[in-house]
């Protein structure tokens, strides 16, 4: 059933447009944080926000321990730097290196979790 539209140009098609593209074009200031499994979350982009703050938000939303975030240049991001310093702009997708994936053994994973609790 077609919707009655007097001007066909009033219809907006997002076919072929990803949520990332829509966020980049809109007023939303979002960064996307994704697991290799495809699960992802949206996090708030603010100019005065650090990578660590973004990582903490993503950990909470994804319910996992994150060891590193990988940036658009495929390099681990420095948690002390601001988002823009690491070339993380609205609409950027970051990749997660989760503790469970990165740990070579349970001891290393436990140490990573202890460090996260201290922060």
Foldseek 3Di string as FASTA:
>chain_A
DDDDDPDPVVDDDCVPPDVLNVCVPDPAQWEWEAEPVGDIDTDHADQPDFQLVRQVVRCVVVVFAFPFKQFPVRHTDDRVDHCVVRVNGRSTYIYTDTLVNPDPDVVSSVVSVVVVVVD
